[in-house]
N, C-alpha and C. Protein backbone atom coordinates (compact mmCIF):
# COMPACT_ATOMS: atom_id res chain seq x y z
N MET A 1 0.72 -1.08 0.24
CA MET A 1 0.11 -0.10 0.14
C MET A 1 0.88 1.13 0.13
N SER A 2 0.18 2.27 -0.58
CA SER A 2 1.81 3.42 -1.07
C SER A 2 1.27 4.45 0.26
N ILE A 3 2.06 5.22 0.05
CA ILE A 3 1.51 6.41 1.46
C ILE A 3 0.72 7.44 1.05
N LYS A 4 0.53 7.03 0.32
CA LYS A 4 -1.20 8.03 -0.01
C LYS A 4 -2.12 7.51 0.12
N GLU A 5 -2.33 5.68 0.19
CA GLU A 5 -3.13 5.38 0.12
C GLU A 5 -3.49 5.08 1.66
N ARG A 6 -2.63 5.26 2.30
CA ARG A 6 -2.42 4.74 3.91
C ARG A 6 -2.59 6.22 4.64
N LEU A 7 -2.46 7.51 4.00
CA LEU A 7 -2.51 8.72 4.35
C LEU A 7 -4.16 8.85 4.33
N LEU A 8 -4.85 8.44 2.99
CA LEU A 8 -6.32 8.57 2.84
C LEU A 8 -6.93 7.82 3.50
N LYS A 9 -6.63 6.80 4.06
CA LYS A 9 -7.38 6.00 4.87
C LYS A 9 -7.44 6.81 6.48
N ILE A 10 -6.74 7.57 6.82
CA ILE A 10 -6.96 7.85 8.77
C ILE A 10 -7.69 8.81 8.77
N LYS A 11 -8.91 8.32 9.95
CA LYS A 11 -9.93 9.11 10.20
C LYS A 11 -9.42 9.67 11.37
N ASN A 12 -10.06 10.93 10.86
CA ASN A 12 -9.98 12.14 12.29
C ASN A 12 -10.42 11.60 13.35
N LYS A 13 -9.85 11.55 14.51
CA LYS A 13 -10.38 10.43 15.70
C LYS A 13 -10.61 11.81 16.58
N ILE A 14 -11.55 11.65 17.96
CA ILE A 14 -11.71 13.21 18.64
C ILE A 14 -10.64 12.58 19.49
N ASN A 15 -10.10 13.72 19.88
CA ASN A 15 -8.91 14.41 21.50
C ASN A 15 -8.93 14.98 22.47
N THR A 16 -8.63 14.81 23.25
CA THR A 16 -8.65 15.95 24.84
C THR A 16 -7.89 16.57 25.14
N VAL A 17 -7.73 17.88 25.14
CA VAL A 17 -7.22 18.81 26.19
C VAL A 17 -7.40 19.34 27.05
N GLU A 18 -7.00 19.99 28.20
CA GLU A 18 -7.16 19.70 29.18
C GLU A 18 -6.97 21.38 29.93
N CYS A 19 -8.36 22.34 30.25
CA CYS A 19 -8.08 23.78 30.33
C CYS A 19 -8.89 24.80 31.20
N MET A 20 -8.63 24.70 31.85
CA MET A 20 -9.02 25.66 32.90
C MET A 20 -10.41 24.73 33.79
N GLY A 21 -9.45 23.33 33.68
CA GLY A 21 -10.14 22.76 34.78
C GLY A 21 -10.80 21.79 33.54
N GLU A 22 -11.33 22.43 32.91
CA GLU A 22 -12.46 21.13 31.79
C GLU A 22 -11.55 20.36 31.15
N LYS A 23 -12.34 19.22 30.66
CA LYS A 23 -11.73 18.38 29.77
C LYS A 23 -12.74 18.91 28.28
N ILE A 24 -11.75 19.75 26.98
CA ILE A 24 -12.16 19.92 26.13
C ILE A 24 -12.27 18.91 24.95
N HIS A 25 -13.39 18.55 24.43
CA HIS A 25 -12.73 17.43 22.93
C HIS A 25 -12.79 18.02 21.99
N TYR A 26 -11.97 17.88 21.20
CA TYR A 26 -11.70 18.63 19.62
C TYR A 26 -11.27 17.33 18.20
N MET A 27 -11.24 17.40 17.06
CA MET A 27 -10.84 16.84 16.04
C MET A 27 -9.87 17.83 15.22
N HIS A 28 -8.60 17.52 14.66
CA HIS A 28 -7.89 18.36 13.94
C HIS A 28 -8.76 18.88 13.02
N LEU A 29 -8.13 20.31 12.21
CA LEU A 29 -8.67 21.05 11.48
C LEU A 29 -8.37 20.23 10.48
N LYS A 30 -9.41 20.03 9.53
CA LYS A 30 -8.91 19.19 7.90
C LYS A 30 -8.98 20.28 7.10
N GLY A 31 -7.96 19.88 5.82
CA GLY A 31 -7.36 20.42 4.56
C GLY A 31 -8.60 21.09 4.19
N SER A 32 -9.57 20.53 4.07
CA SER A 32 -11.27 20.80 3.43
C SER A 32 -11.49 21.82 4.41
N GLN A 33 -11.28 22.33 5.38
CA GLN A 33 -12.15 23.55 5.58
C GLN A 33 -11.12 24.44 5.95
N SER A 34 -9.99 24.38 5.88
CA SER A 34 -8.88 25.99 5.52
C SER A 34 -9.61 27.09 4.75
N HIS A 35 -10.09 26.62 3.61
CA HIS A 35 -10.76 28.14 3.06
C HIS A 35 -11.50 28.99 3.97
N LEU A 36 -12.13 28.19 5.04
CA LEU A 36 -13.11 29.21 6.19
C LEU A 36 -11.85 30.14 7.01
N LEU A 37 -10.50 29.79 7.07
CA LEU A 37 -9.68 30.33 7.59
C LEU A 37 -9.03 31.78 7.08
N SER A 38 -9.03 31.38 5.14
CA SER A 38 -8.85 32.95 5.14
C SER A 38 -9.93 33.55 4.52
N ALA A 39 -10.89 33.38 4.70
CA ALA A 39 -12.16 33.91 4.47
C ALA A 39 -12.30 35.10 6.07
N CYS A 40 -11.74 34.69 7.34
CA CYS A 40 -12.13 35.63 8.64
C CYS A 40 -10.88 36.61 8.51
N LYS A 41 -11.68 37.32 9.61
CA LYS A 41 -10.67 38.47 9.68
C LYS A 41 -9.64 37.76 10.75
N SER A 42 -8.28 38.77 10.58
CA SER A 42 -6.90 37.83 11.38
C SER A 42 -6.96 37.89 12.85
N GLY A 43 -7.70 38.39 13.83
CA GLY A 43 -7.83 38.71 14.96
C GLY A 43 -9.21 37.41 15.24
N ASP A 44 -10.25 37.00 14.27
CA ASP A 44 -10.49 35.74 14.22
C ASP A 44 -10.64 34.32 13.85
N ILE A 45 -8.52 34.01 13.92
CA ILE A 45 -8.55 33.06 13.08
C ILE A 45 -8.43 31.43 14.35
N ASP A 46 -7.96 32.08 15.48
CA ASP A 46 -8.38 30.91 16.40
C ASP A 46 -9.57 30.70 16.98
N ALA A 47 -10.64 31.58 17.16
CA ALA A 47 -11.83 31.95 17.05
C ALA A 47 -12.90 30.56 16.33
N THR A 48 -12.69 30.95 15.35
CA THR A 48 -12.81 30.13 13.81
C THR A 48 -12.43 28.81 14.05
N ILE A 49 -11.20 28.26 14.44
CA ILE A 49 -10.79 27.01 14.35
C ILE A 49 -11.16 26.17 15.65
N PHE A 50 -11.07 27.35 16.65
CA PHE A 50 -12.06 26.55 17.36
C PHE A 50 -13.71 26.22 17.23
N ALA A 51 -14.44 27.14 16.70
CA ALA A 51 -15.79 26.70 16.08
C ALA A 51 -15.84 25.43 15.39
N LEU A 52 -14.47 25.56 14.23
CA LEU A 52 -14.92 24.24 13.53
C LEU A 52 -13.98 23.02 14.47
N CYS A 53 -13.85 23.06 15.29
CA CYS A 53 -12.86 21.75 15.67
C CYS A 53 -13.22 21.29 17.32
N ALA A 54 -13.97 22.07 18.13
CA ALA A 54 -14.47 21.75 19.19
C ALA A 54 -15.63 20.79 19.14
N CYS A 55 -15.55 19.81 19.64
CA CYS A 55 -16.87 18.75 19.58
C CYS A 55 -17.50 18.43 20.94
N GLU A 56 -18.11 17.83 20.95
CA GLU A 56 -18.33 17.17 22.37
C GLU A 56 -18.14 15.51 22.24
N GLU A 57 -17.98 15.21 23.30
CA GLU A 57 -17.73 13.19 23.50
C GLU A 57 -17.68 12.61 22.10
N ASP A 58 -18.77 13.00 21.91
CA ASP A 58 -19.35 11.54 20.65
C ASP A 58 -19.44 12.61 19.45
N GLY A 59 -18.40 13.65 19.29
CA GLY A 59 -18.06 14.02 18.00
C GLY A 59 -18.48 14.85 17.15
N GLN A 60 -19.73 15.15 18.17
CA GLN A 60 -20.65 16.31 17.31
C GLN A 60 -20.08 17.77 17.78
N LEU A 61 -20.12 18.94 16.99
CA LEU A 61 -19.00 20.20 17.23
C LEU A 61 -19.97 20.96 18.02
N MET A 62 -19.52 21.87 18.72
CA MET A 62 -19.98 22.17 19.90
C MET A 62 -20.70 23.63 19.28
N PHE A 63 -20.20 24.07 18.15
CA PHE A 63 -20.64 25.42 18.06
C PHE A 63 -20.25 25.15 15.76
N THR A 64 -21.26 26.12 15.18
CA THR A 64 -21.53 26.45 14.05
C THR A 64 -20.61 27.97 14.23
N ILE A 65 -20.13 27.91 12.59
CA ILE A 65 -19.58 28.97 12.39
C ILE A 65 -20.68 29.84 12.28
N ASP A 66 -21.64 29.91 11.93
CA ASP A 66 -22.91 30.95 12.58
C ASP A 66 -22.62 31.57 13.93
N GLU A 67 -21.88 30.78 15.03
CA GLU A 67 -21.71 31.15 16.24
C GLU A 67 -20.58 31.59 16.77
N LEU A 68 -19.87 31.90 15.81
CA LEU A 68 -18.73 32.73 16.36
C LEU A 68 -18.63 33.59 16.99
N GLU A 69 -19.83 34.59 17.26
CA GLU A 69 -19.43 35.85 18.20
C GLU A 69 -19.94 34.82 19.49
N ASP A 70 -20.14 34.14 19.49
CA ASP A 70 -20.72 33.41 21.09
C ASP A 70 -19.05 32.60 21.45
N VAL A 71 -18.81 32.05 20.86
CA VAL A 71 -17.38 31.29 20.77
C VAL A 71 -16.29 32.74 21.23
N LYS A 72 -16.46 33.94 20.69
CA LYS A 72 -15.53 35.02 21.30
C LYS A 72 -15.90 35.29 22.74
N GLN A 73 -16.35 34.71 22.94
CA GLN A 73 -17.16 35.07 24.13
C GLN A 73 -16.52 34.67 25.46
N LEU A 74 -15.77 33.23 24.86
CA LEU A 74 -14.82 32.48 26.02
C LEU A 74 -13.85 33.15 25.81
N PRO A 75 -13.06 32.53 27.05
CA PRO A 75 -11.63 32.57 27.68
C PRO A 75 -10.87 32.32 26.66
N ASN A 76 -10.09 33.60 25.92
CA ASN A 76 -8.68 33.31 25.36
C ASN A 76 -7.88 32.32 25.20
N VAL A 77 -8.09 31.87 26.57
CA VAL A 77 -7.32 30.55 26.95
C VAL A 77 -7.42 29.52 26.36
N ILE A 78 -9.03 29.11 26.76
CA ILE A 78 -9.88 28.39 25.97
C ILE A 78 -9.36 27.86 24.70
N ILE A 79 -10.06 29.26 23.76
CA ILE A 79 -9.28 29.37 22.38
C ILE A 79 -8.40 29.23 21.92
N ASN A 80 -7.71 29.35 22.58
CA ASN A 80 -6.14 29.54 21.67
C ASN A 80 -5.59 28.01 22.52
N THR A 81 -6.00 27.46 23.82
CA THR A 81 -5.38 26.19 23.69
C THR A 81 -5.73 25.04 22.65
N VAL A 82 -7.44 24.97 22.69
CA VAL A 82 -8.20 23.84 21.74
C VAL A 82 -7.21 24.58 20.18
N SER A 83 -7.32 25.88 20.17
CA SER A 83 -6.89 26.25 18.37
C SER A 83 -5.17 25.79 18.12
N LYS A 84 -4.95 25.60 18.93
CA LYS A 84 -3.34 25.18 18.92
C LYS A 84 -3.35 23.93 18.70
N ALA A 85 -3.97 22.57 19.65
CA ALA A 85 -4.13 21.91 19.79
C ALA A 85 -4.70 20.87 18.37
N ALA A 86 -5.90 21.58 18.03
CA ALA A 86 -6.27 20.81 16.70
C ALA A 86 -5.18 21.52 15.18
N LEU A 87 -4.50 22.40 15.50
CA LEU A 87 -3.01 22.83 14.31
C LEU A 87 -2.19 22.07 14.27
N MET A 88 -1.95 21.63 15.56
CA MET A 88 -0.73 20.59 15.86
C MET A 88 -0.66 19.01 15.93
N GLY A 89 -1.54 18.79 16.66
CA GLY A 89 -1.86 17.62 16.52
C GLY A 89 -0.15 16.97 17.47
N ASP A 90 -0.15 17.05 18.32
CA ASP A 90 0.43 16.51 19.16
C ASP A 90 0.15 15.80 20.05
N GLU A 91 -0.40 15.18 20.56
CA GLU A 91 -1.41 14.67 21.91
C GLU A 91 -0.56 13.88 22.85
N LYS A 92 0.66 13.89 22.88
CA LYS A 92 1.57 13.08 23.86
C LYS A 92 1.77 14.23 24.63
N LYS A 93 2.05 15.79 24.19
CA LYS A 93 2.36 16.87 24.86
C LYS A 93 0.89 17.35 25.69
N PRO A 94 0.83 17.60 27.07
CA PRO A 94 -0.67 17.51 27.31
C PRO A 94 -0.52 19.14 27.02
N ARG A 95 -1.29 20.06 27.20
CA ARG A 95 -1.50 21.58 27.20
C ARG A 95 -2.55 22.02 27.81
N GLY A 96 -2.46 23.67 28.20
CA GLY A 96 -3.58 24.21 29.39
C GLY A 96 -3.05 24.31 30.38
N ARG A 97 -3.82 24.82 31.03
CA ARG A 97 -3.67 25.21 32.46
C ARG A 97 -3.89 24.60 33.02
């Protein structure tokens, strides 16, 4: 099996990061979602990533992109922790506070 075939079989799994005493579930940002980042204001990138990736334990997204203003009401440490984890994909190193 080629590397391409193996990569295309990888499924986006649910990951968890702890921040401010909460376990927050998320999935990694997909390449198919990147166009949404280029359309957002530079100050909204982390909040947009949070909205696209933060999910419930069953994988159901917490927010829609239409709820971006609600996401921006969350503490920055939560938004940034999930955003960085969703982009970096290194679950071996704990993040958050």
